[in-house]
Amino acid sequence: MNDDPRPGLVAAARCFYRQGWMVGTAGNLSARLSDGSFWITVSGKAKGELQPTDFIRIAPDGTVLEQYEPSARPSAETSIHQAIYSLFPEAKACYHVHSIEANLVSRFVKQDFLPLPPIEMLKGLGVWEENPNVAMPVFDNHLHVPRIAAEICDRFQKLPPSIPALLIRDHGITVWASSTAAARNYVELVEYILRYILEARKVGIGIPAVY
């Protein structure tokens, strides 16, 4: 297909692998095409060694449209990508990574949101207010991933998030964006903010509560 996003997904996966955010086979990346279908990483592939053939094209309803290995299965978290694309028509890419920082920070709060520090990096996520009160939605992790996807749909339909990112407790972050390049930037920005929260906690700097 024209404008194949898979080379960009491969490059992003290798970058995230080097950062320690996609160790082994962890994490998943997808990019949506103009017809509404999307390419998503296959299950069980080392993210630092992906090739363009290590993706499956999925229809919005979950039907497999194209794959290179008959035995290949789409990511176990495909339902989360489906949820994001159904909720946000402007989203063209959805990236999910597993970092140590995300898992640690997810334990700092018991509520369903994580207050974020009012630092400059928030501008990269579209927050341009001075001294903003911003929070990232937090979801519980479930072995049955469609349950997570259903909870994302339910909450975001009632209250859209203020930034294009969410955190799954003891699991990792998911971001979405209007392009693969923007999604890669969002992952890097969110991970920076999470590292900041960890360092702030070490030196005793509190993060303002979100009202």
C-alpha atoms as a PDB file:
ATOM      1  CA  MET A   1       0.000   0.000   0.000  1.00  0.00           C
ATOM      2  CA  ASN A   2       1.140   3.583  -0.530  1.00  0.00           C
ATOM      3  CA  ASP A   3       2.700   5.468   2.375  1.00  0.00           C
ATOM      4  CA  ASP A   4       3.564   2.256   4.186  1.00  0.00           C
ATOM      5  CA  PRO A   5       4.138   3.178   7.876  1.00  0.00           C
ATOM      6  CA  ARG A   6       5.916  -0.027   8.810  1.00  0.00           C
ATOM      7  CA  PRO A   7       9.508   1.192   8.277  1.00  0.00           C
ATOM      8  CA  GLY A   8       8.775   4.009  10.721  1.00  0.00           C
ATOM      9  CA  LEU A   9       7.303   1.555  13.218  1.00  0.00           C
ATOM     10  CA  VAL A  10      10.404  -0.628  12.926  1.00  0.00           C
ATOM     11  CA  ALA A  11      12.662   2.377  13.543  1.00  0.00           C
ATOM     12  CA  ALA A  12      10.618   3.458  16.569  1.00  0.00           C
ATOM     13  CA  ALA A  13      10.670  -0.050  18.034  1.00  0.00           C
ATOM     14  CA  ARG A  14      14.458  -0.240  17.725  1.00  0.00           C
ATOM     15  CA  CYS A  15      14.804   3.173  19.365  1.00  0.00           C
ATOM     16  CA  PHE A  16      12.537   2.178  22.248  1.00  0.00           C
ATOM     17  CA  TYR A  17      14.361  -1.141  22.606  1.00  0.00           C
ATOM     18  CA  ARG A  18      17.659   0.699  23.027  1.00  0.00           C
ATOM     19  CA  GLN A  19      16.062   2.826  25.732  1.00  0.00           C
ATOM     20  CA  GLY A  20      14.967  -0.313  27.605  1.00  0.00           C
ATOM     21  CA  TRP A  21      11.279   0.405  27.003  1.00  0.00           C
ATOM     22  CA  MET A  22      10.596  -2.588  24.716  1.00  0.00           C
ATOM     23  CA  VAL A  23      12.720  -5.315  26.246  1.00  0.00           C
ATOM     24  CA  GLY A  24      12.352  -8.727  24.638  1.00  0.00           C
ATOM     25  CA  THR A  25       8.931  -9.016  23.052  1.00  0.00           C
ATOM     26  CA  ALA A  26       7.230  -6.431  25.295  1.00  0.00           C
ATOM     27  CA  GLY A  27       5.189  -3.556  23.881  1.00  0.00           C
ATOM     28  CA  ASN A  28       3.285  -3.003  20.668  1.00  0.00           C
ATOM     29  CA  LEU A  29       3.043  -0.369  17.945  1.00  0.00           C
ATOM     30  CA  SER A  30       0.423   0.346  15.314  1.00  0.00           C
ATOM     31  CA  ALA A  31      -0.300   2.828  12.547  1.00  0.00           C
ATOM     32  CA  ARG A  32      -3.660   3.459  10.915  1.00  0.00           C
ATOM     33  CA  LEU A  33      -4.160   3.702   7.158  1.00  0.00           C
ATOM     34  CA  SER A  34      -6.576   5.873   5.205  1.00  0.00           C
ATOM     35  CA  ASP A  35      -9.088   3.036   4.874  1.00  0.00           C
ATOM     36  CA  GLY A  36      -9.354   2.676   8.663  1.00  0.00           C
ATOM     37  CA  SER A  37      -7.327  -0.529   8.875  1.00  0.00           C
ATOM     38  CA  PHE A  38      -4.082  -0.536  10.831  1.00  0.00           C
ATOM     39  CA  TRP A  39      -0.773  -2.347  10.900  1.00  0.00           C
ATOM     40  CA  ILE A  40       0.141  -3.717  14.328  1.00  0.00           C
ATOM     41  CA  THR A  41       3.105  -5.680  15.611  1.00  0.00           C
ATOM     42  CA  VAL A  42       2.723  -9.436  15.693  1.00  0.00           C
ATOM     43  CA  SER A  43       2.801 -11.215  19.022  1.00  0.00           C
ATOM     44  CA  GLY A  44       6.012 -12.721  20.355  1.00  0.00           C
ATOM     45  CA  LYS A  45       8.587 -10.881  18.231  1.00  0.00           C
ATOM     46  CA  ALA A  46      11.686  -9.231  19.695  1.00  0.00           C
ATOM     47  CA  LYS A  47      11.073  -5.514  19.290  1.00  0.00           C
ATOM     48  CA  GLY A  48      14.738  -4.707  18.721  1.00  0.00           C
ATOM     49  CA  GLU A  49      14.789  -6.990  15.667  1.00  0.00           C
ATOM     50  CA  LEU A  50      11.493  -6.246  13.932  1.00  0.00           C
ATOM     51  CA  GLN A  51      11.164  -6.367  10.168  1.00  0.00           C
ATOM     52  CA  PRO A  52       8.348  -4.934   7.997  1.00  0.00           C
ATOM     53  CA  THR A  53       6.992  -8.476   7.697  1.00  0.00           C
ATOM     54  CA  ASP A  54       6.473  -8.631  11.481  1.00  0.00           C
ATOM     55  CA  PHE A  55       3.157  -6.783  11.300  1.00  0.00           C
ATOM     56  CA  ILE A  56      -0.445  -7.779  10.691  1.00  0.00           C
ATOM     57  CA  ARG A  57      -3.029  -5.521   9.051  1.00  0.00           C
ATOM     58  CA  ILE A  58      -6.272  -5.403  11.000  1.00  0.00           C
ATOM     59  CA  ALA A  59      -9.699  -4.049  10.034  1.00  0.00           C
ATOM     60  CA  PRO A  60     -11.504  -1.767  12.497  1.00  0.00           C
ATOM     61  CA  ASP A  61     -13.673  -4.707  13.594  1.00  0.00           C
ATOM     62  CA  GLY A  62     -10.610  -6.856  14.349  1.00  0.00           C
ATOM     63  CA  THR A  63     -10.622  -8.965  11.184  1.00  0.00           C
ATOM     64  CA  VAL A  64      -7.159  -9.918   9.927  1.00  0.00           C
ATOM     65  CA  LEU A  65      -6.706  -8.469   6.445  1.00  0.00           C
ATOM     66  CA  GLU A  66      -3.061  -9.162   5.704  1.00  0.00           C
ATOM     67  CA  GLN A  67      -0.234 -11.157   7.284  1.00  0.00           C
ATOM     68  CA  TYR A  68       3.021 -12.672   6.141  1.00  0.00           C
ATOM     69  CA  GLU A  69       3.204 -15.731   8.381  1.00  0.00           C
ATOM     70  CA  PRO A  70       0.056 -17.896   8.523  1.00  0.00           C
ATOM     71  CA  SER A  71       0.776 -18.794  12.149  1.00  0.00           C
ATOM     72  CA  ALA A  72       1.390 -15.203  13.263  1.00  0.00           C
ATOM     73  CA  ARG A  73      -0.998 -13.604  15.742  1.00  0.00           C
ATOM     74  CA  PRO A  74      -1.591  -9.889  16.258  1.00  0.00           C
ATOM     75  CA  SER A  75      -0.470  -8.310  19.505  1.00  0.00           C
ATOM     76  CA  ALA A  76      -2.411  -9.474  22.540  1.00  0.00           C
ATOM     77  CA  GLU A  77      -3.262  -5.807  23.138  1.00  0.00           C
ATOM     78  CA  THR A  78      -4.838  -5.192  19.741  1.00  0.00           C
ATOM     79  CA  SER A  79      -8.162  -4.400  21.441  1.00  0.00           C
ATOM     80  CA  ILE A  80      -6.591  -1.363  23.135  1.00  0.00           C
ATOM     81  CA  HIS A  81      -5.451  -0.026  19.769  1.00  0.00           C
ATOM     82  CA  GLN A  82      -8.942  -0.614  18.389  1.00  0.00           C
ATOM     83  CA  ALA A  83     -10.381   1.330  21.325  1.00  0.00           C
ATOM     84  CA  ILE A  84      -8.041   4.273  20.788  1.00  0.00           C
ATOM     85  CA  TYR A  85      -8.766   4.464  17.055  1.00  0.00           C
ATOM     86  CA  SER A  86     -12.503   4.297  17.654  1.00  0.00           C
ATOM     87  CA  LEU A  87     -12.348   7.045  20.272  1.00  0.00           C
ATOM     88  CA  PHE A  88      -9.997   9.402  18.432  1.00  0.00           C
ATOM     89  CA  PRO A  89     -10.630   9.630  14.662  1.00  0.00           C
ATOM     90  CA  GLU A  90      -7.601  11.910  14.275  1.00  0.00           C
ATOM     91  CA  ALA A  91      -5.249   9.258  15.684  1.00  0.00           C
ATOM     92  CA  LYS A  92      -3.012   7.667  13.067  1.00  0.00           C
ATOM     93  CA  ALA A  93      -0.587   5.890  15.383  1.00  0.00           C
ATOM     94  CA  CYS A  94      -0.782   4.187  18.773  1.00  0.00           C
ATOM     95  CA  TYR A  95       2.341   3.165  20.719  1.00  0.00           C
ATOM     96  CA  HIS A  96       2.558   1.118  23.911  1.00  0.00           C
ATOM     97  CA  VAL A  97       5.840   0.587  25.790  1.00  0.00           C
ATOM     98  CA  HIS A  98       6.878  -1.002  29.071  1.00  0.00           C
ATOM     99  CA  SER A  99       9.352   0.987  31.142  1.00  0.00           C
ATOM    100  CA  ILE A 100      10.553   0.529  34.701  1.00  0.00           C
ATOM    101  CA  GLU A 101       9.687   4.168  35.409  1.00  0.00           C
ATOM    102  CA  ALA A 102       6.081   3.746  34.278  1.00  0.00           C
ATOM    103  CA  ASN A 103       5.590   0.713  36.497  1.00  0.00           C
ATOM    104  CA  LEU A 104       7.124   2.382  39.539  1.00  0.00           C
ATOM    105  CA  VAL A 105       5.198   5.621  39.140  1.00  0.00           C
ATOM    106  CA  SER A 106       1.932   3.758  38.615  1.00  0.00           C
ATOM    107  CA  ARG A 107       2.255   2.600  42.250  1.00  0.00           C
ATOM    108  CA  PHE A 108       2.471   6.172  43.563  1.00  0.00           C
ATOM    109  CA  VAL A 109      -1.276   6.744  43.252  1.00  0.00           C
ATOM    110  CA  LYS A 110      -4.329   4.728  44.216  1.00  0.00           C
ATOM    111  CA  GLN A 111      -6.788   6.886  42.292  1.00  0.00           C
ATOM    112  CA  ASP A 112      -7.478   6.602  38.575  1.00  0.00           C
ATOM    113  CA  PHE A 113      -5.281   9.527  37.563  1.00  0.00           C
ATOM    114  CA  LEU A 114      -1.650  10.573  38.003  1.00  0.00           C
ATOM    115  CA  PRO A 115      -0.995  14.290  38.650  1.00  0.00           C
ATOM    116  CA  LEU A 116       1.773  15.568  36.360  1.00  0.00           C
ATOM    117  CA  PRO A 117       4.343  18.231  37.230  1.00  0.00           C
ATOM    118  CA  PRO A 118       3.793  21.610  35.498  1.00  0.00           C
ATOM    119  CA  ILE A 119       7.055  21.395  33.562  1.00  0.00           C
ATOM    120  CA  GLU A 120       7.980  22.578  30.081  1.00  0.00           C
ATOM    121  CA  MET A 121       7.695  19.121  28.534  1.00  0.00           C
ATOM    122  CA  LEU A 122       3.902  19.298  28.814  1.00  0.00           C
ATOM    123  CA  LYS A 123       3.905  21.729  25.885  1.00  0.00           C
ATOM    124  CA  GLY A 124       5.009  18.864  23.660  1.00  0.00           C
ATOM    125  CA  LEU A 125       1.787  17.085  24.625  1.00  0.00           C
ATOM    126  CA  GLY A 126      -0.359  20.080  23.700  1.00  0.00           C
ATOM    127  CA  VAL A 127      -0.626  21.707  27.147  1.00  0.00           C
ATOM    128  CA  TRP A 128       0.147  25.422  26.799  1.00  0.00           C
ATOM    129  CA  GLU A 129      -1.352  26.805  30.000  1.00  0.00           C
ATOM    130  CA  GLU A 130       0.805  28.528  32.592  1.00  0.00           C
ATOM    131  CA  ASN A 131       1.177  26.380  35.723  1.00  0.00           C
ATOM    132  CA  PRO A 132      -1.295  23.799  34.386  1.00  0.00           C
ATOM    133  CA  ASN A 133      -3.132  21.229  36.489  1.00  0.00           C
ATOM    134  CA  VAL A 134      -2.848  18.132  34.314  1.00  0.00           C
ATOM    135  CA  ALA A 135      -3.290  14.463  35.065  1.00  0.00           C
ATOM    136  CA  MET A 136      -2.689  11.286  33.092  1.00  0.00           C
ATOM    137  CA  PRO A 137      -5.478   8.670  33.288  1.00  0.00           C
ATOM    138  CA  VAL A 138      -4.508   5.489  35.114  1.00  0.00           C
ATOM    139  CA  PHE A 139      -6.150   2.136  34.446  1.00  0.00           C
ATOM    140  CA  ASP A 140      -5.887  -1.133  36.325  1.00  0.00           C
ATOM    141  CA  ASN A 141      -4.138  -3.981  34.598  1.00  0.00           C
ATOM    142  CA  HIS A 142      -6.190  -7.063  33.753  1.00  0.00           C
ATOM    143  CA  LEU A 143      -5.072 -10.394  32.328  1.00  0.00           C
ATOM    144  CA  HIS A 144      -8.043 -10.203  29.947  1.00  0.00           C
ATOM    145  CA  VAL A 145      -6.921  -7.242  27.832  1.00  0.00           C
ATOM    146  CA  PRO A 146     -10.335  -6.513  26.243  1.00  0.00           C
ATOM    147  CA  ARG A 147     -11.481  -5.609  29.751  1.00  0.00           C
ATOM    148  CA  ILE A 148      -8.842  -2.848  29.830  1.00  0.00           C
ATOM    149  CA  ALA A 149      -9.971  -1.676  26.389  1.00  0.00           C
ATOM    150  CA  ALA A 150     -13.608  -1.587  27.537  1.00  0.00           C
ATOM    151  CA  GLU A 151     -12.686   0.487  30.598  1.00  0.00           C
ATOM    152  CA  ILE A 152     -10.728   2.916  28.408  1.00  0.00           C
ATOM    153  CA  CYS A 153     -13.736   3.362  26.115  1.00  0.00           C
ATOM    154  CA  ASP A 154     -16.147   3.783  28.992  1.00  0.00           C
ATOM    155  CA  ARG A 155     -14.117   6.414  30.816  1.00  0.00           C
ATOM    156  CA  PHE A 156     -12.955   8.408  27.801  1.00  0.00           C
ATOM    157  CA  GLN A 157     -16.465   8.581  26.363  1.00  0.00           C
ATOM    158  CA  LYS A 158     -17.544  10.228  29.609  1.00  0.00           C
ATOM    159  CA  LEU A 159     -14.426  12.326  30.204  1.00  0.00           C
ATOM    160  CA  PRO A 160     -11.924  12.784  27.353  1.00  0.00           C
ATOM    161  CA  PRO A 161      -8.306  12.877  28.529  1.00  0.00           C
ATOM    162  CA  SER A 162      -6.406  16.168  28.667  1.00  0.00           C
ATOM    163  CA  ILE A 163      -3.306  14.625  27.073  1.00  0.00           C
ATOM    164  CA  PRO A 164      -2.949  11.861  24.447  1.00  0.00           C
ATOM    165  CA  ALA A 165      -1.577   9.317  26.868  1.00  0.00           C
ATOM    166  CA  LEU A 166      -2.654   6.837  29.511  1.00  0.00           C
ATOM    167  CA  LEU A 167      -0.943   4.665  32.082  1.00  0.00           C
ATOM    168  CA  ILE A 168      -1.820   1.058  32.874  1.00  0.00           C
ATOM    169  CA  ARG A 169      -0.806   0.180  36.413  1.00  0.00           C
ATOM    170  CA  ASP A 170       2.195  -2.199  36.641  1.00  0.00           C
ATOM    171  CA  HIS A 171       2.210  -2.363  32.852  1.00  0.00           C
ATOM    172  CA  GLY A 172       3.183   0.739  30.871  1.00  0.00           C
ATOM    173  CA  ILE A 173       2.087   3.785  28.921  1.00  0.00           C
ATOM    174  CA  THR A 174       0.052   4.063  25.735  1.00  0.00           C
ATOM    175  CA  VAL A 175       0.097   7.181  23.557  1.00  0.00           C
ATOM    176  CA  TRP A 176      -1.677   8.114  20.344  1.00  0.00           C
ATOM    177  CA  ALA A 177      -1.019  10.818  17.780  1.00  0.00           C
ATOM    178  CA  SER A 178      -1.798  12.129  14.315  1.00  0.00           C
ATOM    179  CA  SER A 179       1.399  10.599  12.885  1.00  0.00           C
ATOM    180  CA  THR A 180       3.988   7.963  13.689  1.00  0.00           C
ATOM    181  CA  ALA A 181       6.608  10.681  14.224  1.00  0.00           C
ATOM    182  CA  ALA A 182       4.393  12.492  16.727  1.00  0.00           C
ATOM    183  CA  ALA A 183       3.618   9.253  18.576  1.00  0.00           C
ATOM    184  CA  ARG A 184       7.341   8.554  18.935  1.00  0.00           C
ATOM    185  CA  ASN A 185       7.834  12.051  20.362  1.00  0.00           C
ATOM    186  CA  TYR A 186       4.948  11.563  22.783  1.00  0.00           C
ATOM    187  CA  VAL A 187       6.454   8.352  24.140  1.00  0.00           C
ATOM    188  CA  GLU A 188       9.756  10.118  24.753  1.00  0.00           C
ATOM    189  CA  LEU A 189       8.053  13.110  26.398  1.00  0.00           C
ATOM    190  CA  VAL A 190       5.866  11.015  28.686  1.00  0.00           C
ATOM    191  CA  GLU A 191       8.788   8.836  29.726  1.00  0.00           C
ATOM    192  CA  TYR A 192      10.789  11.994  30.504  1.00  0.00           C
ATOM    193  CA  ILE A 193       7.951  13.254  32.713  1.00  0.00           C
ATOM    194  CA  LEU A 194       7.779   9.909  34.529  1.00  0.00           C
ATOM    195  CA  ARG A 195      11.525   9.990  35.171  1.00  0.00           C
ATOM    196  CA  TYR A 196      11.119  13.540  36.485  1.00  0.00           C
ATOM    197  CA  ILE A 197       8.429  12.351  38.923  1.00  0.00           C
ATOM    198  CA  LEU A 198      10.742   9.612  40.197  1.00  0.00           C
ATOM    199  CA  GLU A 199      13.651  11.998  40.659  1.00  0.00           C
ATOM    200  CA  ALA A 200      11.417  14.622  42.301  1.00  0.00           C
ATOM    201  CA  ARG A 201      10.251  12.015  44.788  1.00  0.00           C
ATOM    202  CA  LYS A 202      13.865  11.137  45.617  1.00  0.00           C
ATOM    203  CA  VAL A 203      14.775  14.728  46.478  1.00  0.00           C
ATOM    204  CA  GLY A 204      11.503  15.507  48.208  1.00  0.00           C
ATOM    205  CA  ILE A 205       9.832  17.713  45.594  1.00  0.00           C
ATOM    206  CA  GLY A 206       6.074  17.241  45.684  1.00  0.00           C
ATOM    207  CA  ILE A 207       3.900  17.139  42.575  1.00  0.00           C
ATOM    208  CA  PRO A 208       0.903  19.498  42.775  1.00  0.00           C
ATOM    209  CA  ALA A 209      -2.467  17.842  43.112  1.00  0.00           C
ATOM    210  CA  VAL A 210      -4.911  18.096  40.211  1.00  0.00           C
ATOM    211  CA  TYR A 211      -8.184  19.801  41.038  1.00  0.00           C
END
